[in-house]
Amino acid sequence: MNNAIGSFYNWYKATLRNTKYRWLLVVGTIIYLVSPIDIAPDFLPIIGWVDDGLLATLLVTELTQIALEHLNKRKQSGTSTADEPITTIDA
């Protein structure tokens, strides 16, 4: 079971980083989150919300990471147009 979760995570991360499929996966994830059809239906207390919460967390985490990497590349190449330096705060 743990190997299946790791495989899904690796696939999801790699697909999000592929610009050809990124928006398709983002839209598909949002549709899955709002759809009543789930792996674990939402009418089951707690269990039904866990899969949605994990998938939403994974989506936000990976998109944030992609955005930070893009900003760091712009900062290193000197093409940043902001007057303020770009900083990252670790939580």
N, C-alpha and C. Protein backbone atom coordinates (compact mmCIF):
# COMPACT_ATOMS: atom_id res chain seq x y z
N MET A 1 0.82 -1.19 0.00
CA MET A 1 0.00 0.00 0.00
C MET A 1 0.87 1.26 0.00
N ASN A 2 1.90 1.26 0.82
CA ASN A 2 2.79 2.42 0.91
C ASN A 2 3.50 2.67 -0.42
N ASN A 3 3.84 1.58 -1.13
CA ASN A 3 4.50 1.71 -2.43
C ASN A 3 3.55 2.33 -3.45
N ALA A 4 2.27 2.01 -3.37
CA ALA A 4 1.29 2.59 -4.30
C ALA A 4 1.15 4.09 -4.06
N ILE A 5 1.17 4.50 -2.81
CA ILE A 5 1.08 5.93 -2.50
C ILE A 5 2.32 6.66 -3.00
N GLY A 6 3.49 6.08 -2.80
CA GLY A 6 4.73 6.68 -3.29
C GLY A 6 4.75 6.76 -4.80
N SER A 7 4.26 5.73 -5.47
CA SER A 7 4.21 5.74 -6.93
C SER A 7 3.27 6.82 -7.44
N PHE A 8 2.10 6.96 -6.78
CA PHE A 8 1.15 8.00 -7.17
C PHE A 8 1.76 9.38 -6.98
N TYR A 9 2.42 9.59 -5.85
CA TYR A 9 3.05 10.88 -5.57
C TYR A 9 4.10 11.21 -6.63
N ASN A 10 4.94 10.26 -6.95
CA ASN A 10 5.99 10.50 -7.97
C ASN A 10 5.39 10.80 -9.33
N TRP A 11 4.33 10.07 -9.70
CA TRP A 11 3.66 10.31 -10.98
C TRP A 11 3.03 11.69 -11.00
N TYR A 12 2.34 12.05 -9.93
CA TYR A 12 1.65 13.34 -9.84
C TYR A 12 2.66 14.48 -9.94
N LYS A 13 3.75 14.37 -9.21
CA LYS A 13 4.79 15.41 -9.21
C LYS A 13 5.42 15.55 -10.60
N ALA A 14 5.74 14.43 -11.23
CA ALA A 14 6.35 14.47 -12.56
C ALA A 14 5.39 15.04 -13.60
N THR A 15 4.12 14.70 -13.49
CA THR A 15 3.14 15.19 -14.45
C THR A 15 2.91 16.69 -14.28
N LEU A 16 2.89 17.17 -13.04
CA LEU A 16 2.74 18.60 -12.81
C LEU A 16 3.93 19.39 -13.34
N ARG A 17 5.09 18.82 -13.31
CA ARG A 17 6.29 19.51 -13.79
C ARG A 17 6.40 19.50 -15.31
N ASN A 18 5.62 18.66 -15.96
CA ASN A 18 5.57 18.63 -17.42
C ASN A 18 4.57 19.69 -17.87
N THR A 19 5.06 20.73 -18.52
CA THR A 19 4.19 21.85 -18.88
C THR A 19 3.08 21.45 -19.84
N LYS A 20 3.28 20.40 -20.59
CA LYS A 20 2.27 19.95 -21.54
C LYS A 20 1.01 19.44 -20.82
N TYR A 21 1.18 18.81 -19.67
CA TYR A 21 0.05 18.20 -18.96
C TYR A 21 -0.33 18.92 -17.67
N ARG A 22 0.38 19.97 -17.30
CA ARG A 22 0.17 20.62 -16.01
C ARG A 22 -1.27 21.08 -15.82
N TRP A 23 -1.79 21.87 -16.77
CA TRP A 23 -3.13 22.43 -16.59
C TRP A 23 -4.19 21.35 -16.66
N LEU A 24 -3.96 20.33 -17.44
CA LEU A 24 -4.90 19.22 -17.50
C LEU A 24 -5.00 18.53 -16.14
N LEU A 25 -3.88 18.33 -15.49
CA LEU A 25 -3.87 17.70 -14.18
C LEU A 25 -4.46 18.62 -13.11
N VAL A 26 -4.18 19.91 -13.19
CA VAL A 26 -4.75 20.85 -12.22
C VAL A 26 -6.27 20.88 -12.34
N VAL A 27 -6.78 20.99 -13.56
CA VAL A 27 -8.23 21.01 -13.77
C VAL A 27 -8.85 19.68 -13.35
N GLY A 28 -8.21 18.58 -13.70
CA GLY A 28 -8.71 17.26 -13.29
C GLY A 28 -8.75 17.10 -11.78
N THR A 29 -7.75 17.62 -11.10
CA THR A 29 -7.73 17.55 -9.64
C THR A 29 -8.86 18.37 -9.04
N ILE A 30 -9.08 19.56 -9.57
CA ILE A 30 -10.16 20.41 -9.06
C ILE A 30 -11.52 19.76 -9.31
N ILE A 31 -11.70 19.17 -10.47
CA ILE A 31 -12.96 18.47 -10.76
C ILE A 31 -13.14 17.31 -9.79
N TYR A 32 -12.08 16.56 -9.52
CA TYR A 32 -12.18 15.45 -8.56
C TYR A 32 -12.56 15.96 -7.18
N LEU A 33 -12.00 17.10 -6.77
CA LEU A 33 -12.28 17.63 -5.44
C LEU A 33 -13.72 18.09 -5.28
N VAL A 34 -14.33 18.65 -6.32
CA VAL A 34 -15.71 19.12 -6.22
C VAL A 34 -16.73 18.06 -6.63
N SER A 35 -16.29 17.00 -7.26
CA SER A 35 -17.19 15.94 -7.71
C SER A 35 -17.66 15.08 -6.54
N PRO A 36 -18.91 14.64 -6.59
CA PRO A 36 -19.39 13.74 -5.54
C PRO A 36 -18.86 12.31 -5.70
N ILE A 37 -18.25 12.02 -6.84
CA ILE A 37 -17.70 10.68 -7.08
C ILE A 37 -16.24 10.69 -6.64
N ASP A 38 -15.93 9.93 -5.61
CA ASP A 38 -14.59 9.88 -5.04
C ASP A 38 -14.19 8.43 -4.78
N ILE A 39 -12.90 8.24 -4.49
CA ILE A 39 -12.43 6.94 -4.04
C ILE A 39 -13.08 6.61 -2.70
N ALA A 40 -13.09 7.58 -1.81
CA ALA A 40 -13.78 7.47 -0.52
C ALA A 40 -14.86 8.54 -0.52
N PRO A 41 -16.13 8.15 -0.64
CA PRO A 41 -17.22 9.14 -0.74
C PRO A 41 -17.25 10.10 0.45
N ASP A 42 -17.63 11.34 0.17
CA ASP A 42 -17.60 12.38 1.19
C ASP A 42 -18.68 12.22 2.26
N PHE A 43 -19.70 11.39 2.01
CA PHE A 43 -20.73 11.21 3.03
C PHE A 43 -20.23 10.36 4.19
N LEU A 44 -19.08 9.70 4.04
CA LEU A 44 -18.47 8.98 5.15
C LEU A 44 -17.67 9.98 5.97
N PRO A 45 -18.04 10.19 7.22
CA PRO A 45 -17.33 11.19 8.02
C PRO A 45 -15.83 10.90 8.11
N ILE A 46 -15.04 11.90 8.06
CA ILE A 46 -13.58 11.89 8.18
C ILE A 46 -12.93 11.12 7.05
N ILE A 47 -13.25 9.87 6.85
CA ILE A 47 -12.60 9.05 5.81
C ILE A 47 -12.84 9.66 4.43
N GLY A 48 -14.05 10.13 4.19
CA GLY A 48 -14.37 10.73 2.90
C GLY A 48 -13.66 12.04 2.64
N TRP A 49 -13.28 12.72 3.71
CA TRP A 49 -12.62 14.01 3.55
C TRP A 49 -11.10 13.88 3.46
N VAL A 50 -10.57 12.76 3.94
CA VAL A 50 -9.11 12.59 3.98
C VAL A 50 -8.53 12.56 2.58
N ASP A 51 -9.12 11.80 1.65
CA ASP A 51 -8.55 11.73 0.30
C ASP A 51 -8.60 13.09 -0.39
N ASP A 52 -9.68 13.84 -0.19
CA ASP A 52 -9.75 15.18 -0.78
C ASP A 52 -8.72 16.11 -0.16
N GLY A 53 -8.57 16.04 1.15
CA GLY A 53 -7.59 16.89 1.83
C GLY A 53 -6.17 16.59 1.41
N LEU A 54 -5.85 15.31 1.29
CA LEU A 54 -4.50 14.94 0.87
C LEU A 54 -4.21 15.37 -0.56
N LEU A 55 -5.18 15.19 -1.44
CA LEU A 55 -4.98 15.57 -2.83
C LEU A 55 -4.87 17.09 -2.98
N ALA A 56 -5.70 17.83 -2.25
CA ALA A 56 -5.61 19.30 -2.29
C ALA A 56 -4.27 19.78 -1.74
N THR A 57 -3.81 19.16 -0.66
CA THR A 57 -2.51 19.51 -0.09
C THR A 57 -1.39 19.22 -1.07
N LEU A 58 -1.45 18.08 -1.72
CA LEU A 58 -0.43 17.71 -2.71
C LEU A 58 -0.42 18.71 -3.86
N LEU A 59 -1.58 19.10 -4.35
CA LEU A 59 -1.66 20.05 -5.46
C LEU A 59 -1.07 21.40 -5.07
N VAL A 60 -1.48 21.93 -3.92
CA VAL A 60 -0.99 23.24 -3.49
C VAL A 60 0.51 23.20 -3.22
N THR A 61 0.98 22.14 -2.59
CA THR A 61 2.41 22.01 -2.29
C THR A 61 3.25 21.99 -3.56
N GLU A 62 2.86 21.19 -4.52
CA GLU A 62 3.64 21.07 -5.75
C GLU A 62 3.58 22.35 -6.58
N LEU A 63 2.40 22.98 -6.67
CA LEU A 63 2.32 24.23 -7.44
C LEU A 63 3.13 25.34 -6.77
N THR A 64 3.14 25.36 -5.45
CA THR A 64 3.97 26.33 -4.72
C THR A 64 5.44 26.09 -5.00
N GLN A 65 5.87 24.84 -4.98
CA GLN A 65 7.26 24.50 -5.25
C GLN A 65 7.66 24.91 -6.67
N ILE A 66 6.79 24.68 -7.63
CA ILE A 66 7.08 25.07 -9.01
C ILE A 66 7.21 26.58 -9.11
N ALA A 67 6.31 27.32 -8.45
CA ALA A 67 6.36 28.78 -8.48
C ALA A 67 7.63 29.31 -7.83
N LEU A 68 8.03 28.73 -6.70
CA LEU A 68 9.26 29.17 -6.03
C LEU A 68 10.49 28.89 -6.89
N GLU A 69 10.53 27.74 -7.54
CA GLU A 69 11.65 27.42 -8.42
C GLU A 69 11.71 28.42 -9.58
N HIS A 70 10.55 28.76 -10.13
CA HIS A 70 10.50 29.72 -11.24
C HIS A 70 10.99 31.09 -10.78
N LEU A 71 10.55 31.54 -9.60
CA LEU A 71 10.99 32.83 -9.08
C LEU A 71 12.49 32.84 -8.79
N ASN A 72 13.00 31.74 -8.26
CA ASN A 72 14.44 31.66 -7.99
C ASN A 72 15.26 31.70 -9.28
N LYS A 73 14.76 31.06 -10.34
CA LYS A 73 15.45 31.11 -11.62
C LYS A 73 15.46 32.53 -12.17
N ARG A 74 14.33 33.22 -12.05
CA ARG A 74 14.27 34.62 -12.52
C ARG A 74 15.21 35.50 -11.71
N LYS A 75 15.29 35.25 -10.43
CA LYS A 75 16.17 36.04 -9.57
C LYS A 75 17.63 35.80 -9.94
N GLN A 76 18.00 34.55 -10.19
CA GLN A 76 19.38 34.22 -10.54
C GLN A 76 19.76 34.76 -11.91
N SER A 77 18.81 34.80 -12.83
CA SER A 77 19.13 35.30 -14.17
C SER A 77 19.07 36.82 -14.25
N GLY A 78 18.56 37.45 -13.19
CA GLY A 78 18.53 38.91 -13.16
C GLY A 78 17.38 39.51 -13.92
N THR A 79 16.35 38.73 -14.23
CA THR A 79 15.21 39.27 -14.98
C THR A 79 14.04 39.63 -14.08
N SER A 80 14.23 39.60 -12.79
CA SER A 80 13.16 39.97 -11.87
C SER A 80 12.90 41.47 -11.99
N THR A 81 11.62 41.84 -12.08
CA THR A 81 11.27 43.24 -12.23
C THR A 81 10.85 43.88 -10.92
N ALA A 82 10.80 43.12 -9.87
CA ALA A 82 10.36 43.65 -8.58
C ALA A 82 11.48 44.47 -7.95
N ASP A 83 11.10 45.55 -7.23
CA ASP A 83 12.07 46.36 -6.53
C ASP A 83 12.58 45.65 -5.29
N GLU A 84 11.71 44.85 -4.68
CA GLU A 84 12.06 44.12 -3.47
C GLU A 84 12.72 42.79 -3.85
N PRO A 85 13.70 42.35 -3.10
CA PRO A 85 14.27 41.03 -3.37
C PRO A 85 13.27 39.93 -3.02
N ILE A 86 13.35 38.82 -3.72
CA ILE A 86 12.46 37.70 -3.47
C ILE A 86 13.04 36.88 -2.33
N THR A 87 12.24 36.68 -1.30
CA THR A 87 12.68 35.90 -0.16
C THR A 87 11.75 34.74 0.09
N THR A 88 12.28 33.70 0.68
CA THR A 88 11.50 32.53 1.03
C THR A 88 11.52 32.37 2.54
N ILE A 89 10.35 32.15 3.12
CA ILE A 89 10.26 31.96 4.55
C ILE A 89 9.90 30.51 4.82
N ASP A 90 10.73 29.82 5.56
CA ASP A 90 10.44 28.44 5.91
C ASP A 90 9.54 28.41 7.13
N ALA A 91 8.53 27.57 7.05
CA ALA A 91 7.59 27.47 8.18
C ALA A 91 8.05 26.42 9.15
